[in-house]
């Protein structure tokens, strides 16, 4: 089962807004499928990523 992700990003978005968006998405995916949530920042550009898996995901390049 491959891991996939959803990224939430914004230079004009607050950290609270980014984390709320990520939390809402993670809740919609379901805790049994969420692998983790990560974040990073670079010069005011914030990124929050929800990593999750799904048994129905299609792997387009399994050697990558």
N, C-alpha and C. Protein backbone atom coordinates (compact mmCIF):
# COMPACT_ATOMS: atom_id res chain seq x y z
N UNK A 1 0.84 -1.18 0.00
CA UNK A 1 0.00 0.00 0.00
C UNK A 1 0.88 1.24 0.00
N UNK A 2 0.84 2.01 -1.03
CA UNK A 2 1.72 3.17 -1.14
C UNK A 2 1.26 4.34 -0.26
N UNK A 3 2.25 5.08 0.22
CA UNK A 3 1.94 6.32 0.94
C UNK A 3 1.66 7.42 -0.08
N UNK A 4 0.69 8.25 0.21
CA UNK A 4 0.42 9.43 -0.59
C UNK A 4 0.28 10.61 0.36
N UNK A 5 0.19 11.81 -0.16
CA UNK A 5 0.17 12.97 0.71
C UNK A 5 -0.72 14.07 0.16
N UNK A 6 -1.10 14.96 1.06
CA UNK A 6 -1.82 16.18 0.72
C UNK A 6 -1.07 17.33 1.38
N UNK A 7 -0.72 18.32 0.60
CA UNK A 7 0.08 19.45 1.09
C UNK A 7 -0.80 20.69 1.25
N UNK A 8 -0.57 21.41 2.35
CA UNK A 8 -1.26 22.67 2.61
C UNK A 8 -0.18 23.73 2.74
N UNK A 9 -0.27 24.78 1.92
CA UNK A 9 0.82 25.73 1.81
C UNK A 9 0.27 27.14 1.71
N UNK A 10 1.03 28.10 2.22
CA UNK A 10 0.58 29.47 2.06
C UNK A 10 1.51 30.49 2.67
N UNK A 11 1.81 31.52 1.91
CA UNK A 11 2.61 32.62 2.43
C UNK A 11 1.72 33.65 3.12
N UNK A 12 0.46 33.70 2.75
CA UNK A 12 -0.48 34.65 3.34
C UNK A 12 -1.44 33.96 4.31
N UNK A 13 -1.17 32.72 4.62
CA UNK A 13 -2.00 31.93 5.52
C UNK A 13 -1.27 31.77 6.84
N UNK A 14 -1.99 31.87 7.95
CA UNK A 14 -1.35 31.71 9.26
C UNK A 14 -1.10 30.23 9.53
N UNK A 15 -0.20 29.98 10.47
CA UNK A 15 0.07 28.59 10.86
C UNK A 15 -1.19 27.95 11.41
N UNK A 16 -1.98 28.69 12.17
CA UNK A 16 -3.23 28.14 12.70
C UNK A 16 -4.15 27.69 11.57
N UNK A 17 -4.25 28.50 10.52
CA UNK A 17 -5.09 28.13 9.38
C UNK A 17 -4.56 26.89 8.66
N UNK A 18 -3.25 26.84 8.46
CA UNK A 18 -2.65 25.67 7.79
C UNK A 18 -2.87 24.40 8.59
N UNK A 19 -2.63 24.47 9.90
CA UNK A 19 -2.81 23.28 10.73
C UNK A 19 -4.28 22.89 10.84
N UNK A 20 -5.18 23.86 10.86
CA UNK A 20 -6.61 23.54 10.88
C UNK A 20 -7.03 22.85 9.59
N UNK A 21 -6.54 23.34 8.45
CA UNK A 21 -6.85 22.69 7.17
C UNK A 21 -6.32 21.26 7.16
N UNK A 22 -5.09 21.08 7.62
CA UNK A 22 -4.49 19.75 7.64
C UNK A 22 -5.24 18.82 8.59
N UNK A 23 -5.64 19.35 9.75
CA UNK A 23 -6.38 18.53 10.72
C UNK A 23 -7.73 18.11 10.17
N UNK A 24 -8.43 19.03 9.49
CA UNK A 24 -9.72 18.69 8.89
C UNK A 24 -9.55 17.61 7.83
N UNK A 25 -8.50 17.74 7.01
CA UNK A 25 -8.25 16.73 5.98
C UNK A 25 -7.92 15.38 6.62
N UNK A 26 -7.03 15.39 7.62
CA UNK A 26 -6.64 14.15 8.28
C UNK A 26 -7.85 13.47 8.91
N UNK A 27 -8.75 14.26 9.49
CA UNK A 27 -9.97 13.70 10.06
C UNK A 27 -10.83 13.06 8.98
N UNK A 28 -10.92 13.70 7.82
CA UNK A 28 -11.74 13.16 6.74
C UNK A 28 -11.15 11.87 6.17
N UNK A 29 -9.82 11.76 6.19
CA UNK A 29 -9.15 10.54 5.70
C UNK A 29 -9.40 9.39 6.67
N UNK A 30 -9.35 9.68 7.96
CA UNK A 30 -9.53 8.66 8.99
C UNK A 30 -8.21 8.32 9.65
N UNK A 31 -8.23 8.24 10.96
CA UNK A 31 -6.99 8.01 11.71
C UNK A 31 -6.31 6.70 11.35
N UNK A 32 -7.07 5.71 10.90
CA UNK A 32 -6.47 4.42 10.54
C UNK A 32 -5.61 4.51 9.28
N UNK A 33 -5.76 5.60 8.50
CA UNK A 33 -5.00 5.76 7.27
C UNK A 33 -3.91 6.83 7.35
N UNK A 34 -3.94 7.66 8.38
CA UNK A 34 -2.95 8.74 8.50
C UNK A 34 -1.64 8.15 9.03
N UNK A 35 -0.57 8.40 8.28
CA UNK A 35 0.77 7.94 8.67
C UNK A 35 1.42 8.99 9.55
N UNK A 36 1.26 10.27 9.20
CA UNK A 36 1.86 11.34 9.99
C UNK A 36 1.55 12.70 9.38
N UNK A 37 1.91 13.72 10.14
CA UNK A 37 1.75 15.10 9.69
C UNK A 37 3.08 15.80 9.93
N UNK A 38 3.60 16.46 8.89
CA UNK A 38 4.87 17.16 9.00
C UNK A 38 4.69 18.62 8.62
N UNK A 39 5.66 19.43 9.01
CA UNK A 39 5.60 20.85 8.66
C UNK A 39 7.00 21.39 8.40
N UNK A 40 7.05 22.47 7.63
CA UNK A 40 8.32 23.14 7.38
C UNK A 40 8.05 24.59 7.02
N UNK A 41 9.08 25.40 7.12
CA UNK A 41 8.95 26.82 6.79
C UNK A 41 10.24 27.29 6.13
N UNK A 42 10.09 28.21 5.19
CA UNK A 42 11.24 28.81 4.52
C UNK A 42 10.87 30.22 4.10
N UNK A 43 11.47 31.19 4.75
CA UNK A 43 11.26 32.60 4.42
C UNK A 43 9.78 32.98 4.38
N UNK A 44 9.04 32.57 5.38
CA UNK A 44 7.64 32.94 5.47
C UNK A 44 6.69 32.04 4.72
N UNK A 45 7.20 31.07 3.99
CA UNK A 45 6.36 30.13 3.26
C UNK A 45 6.19 28.88 4.12
N UNK A 46 4.98 28.68 4.66
CA UNK A 46 4.72 27.53 5.51
C UNK A 46 4.09 26.40 4.74
N UNK A 47 4.47 25.18 5.10
CA UNK A 47 3.92 23.98 4.47
C UNK A 47 3.59 22.96 5.56
N UNK A 48 2.38 22.43 5.51
CA UNK A 48 1.98 21.33 6.37
C UNK A 48 1.57 20.19 5.45
N UNK A 49 2.09 19.00 5.68
CA UNK A 49 1.81 17.85 4.82
C UNK A 49 1.19 16.74 5.65
N UNK A 50 0.08 16.20 5.16
CA UNK A 50 -0.55 15.03 5.76
C UNK A 50 -0.16 13.82 4.91
N UNK A 51 0.54 12.87 5.53
CA UNK A 51 0.94 11.64 4.86
C UNK A 51 -0.05 10.55 5.24
N UNK A 52 -0.55 9.83 4.23
CA UNK A 52 -1.53 8.79 4.52
C UNK A 52 -1.39 7.68 3.48
N UNK A 53 -2.05 6.57 3.74
CA UNK A 53 -2.04 5.47 2.78
C UNK A 53 -3.47 5.07 2.47
N UNK A 54 -3.60 4.43 1.35
CA UNK A 54 -4.90 3.92 0.93
C UNK A 54 -4.68 2.63 0.15
N UNK A 55 -5.49 1.64 0.40
CA UNK A 55 -5.32 0.39 -0.34
C UNK A 55 -5.69 0.51 -1.81
N UNK A 56 -6.35 1.60 -2.20
CA UNK A 56 -6.78 1.77 -3.59
C UNK A 56 -5.87 2.68 -4.40
N UNK A 57 -4.76 3.14 -3.83
CA UNK A 57 -3.87 4.05 -4.55
C UNK A 57 -3.20 3.32 -5.71
N UNK A 58 -2.99 4.06 -6.77
CA UNK A 58 -2.34 3.50 -7.96
C UNK A 58 -0.88 3.93 -7.95
N UNK A 59 0.03 2.99 -8.04
CA UNK A 59 1.46 3.28 -8.08
C UNK A 59 1.86 3.40 -9.55
N UNK A 60 2.30 4.61 -9.95
CA UNK A 60 2.66 4.81 -11.34
C UNK A 60 4.12 4.50 -11.61
N UNK A 61 4.98 4.60 -10.59
CA UNK A 61 6.39 4.29 -10.76
C UNK A 61 6.89 3.59 -9.50
N UNK A 62 6.73 2.29 -9.37
CA UNK A 62 7.09 1.58 -8.15
C UNK A 62 8.58 1.58 -7.84
N UNK A 63 9.43 1.91 -8.82
CA UNK A 63 10.87 1.92 -8.58
C UNK A 63 11.39 3.28 -8.12
N UNK A 64 10.52 4.29 -8.04
CA UNK A 64 10.96 5.64 -7.65
C UNK A 64 11.23 5.72 -6.16
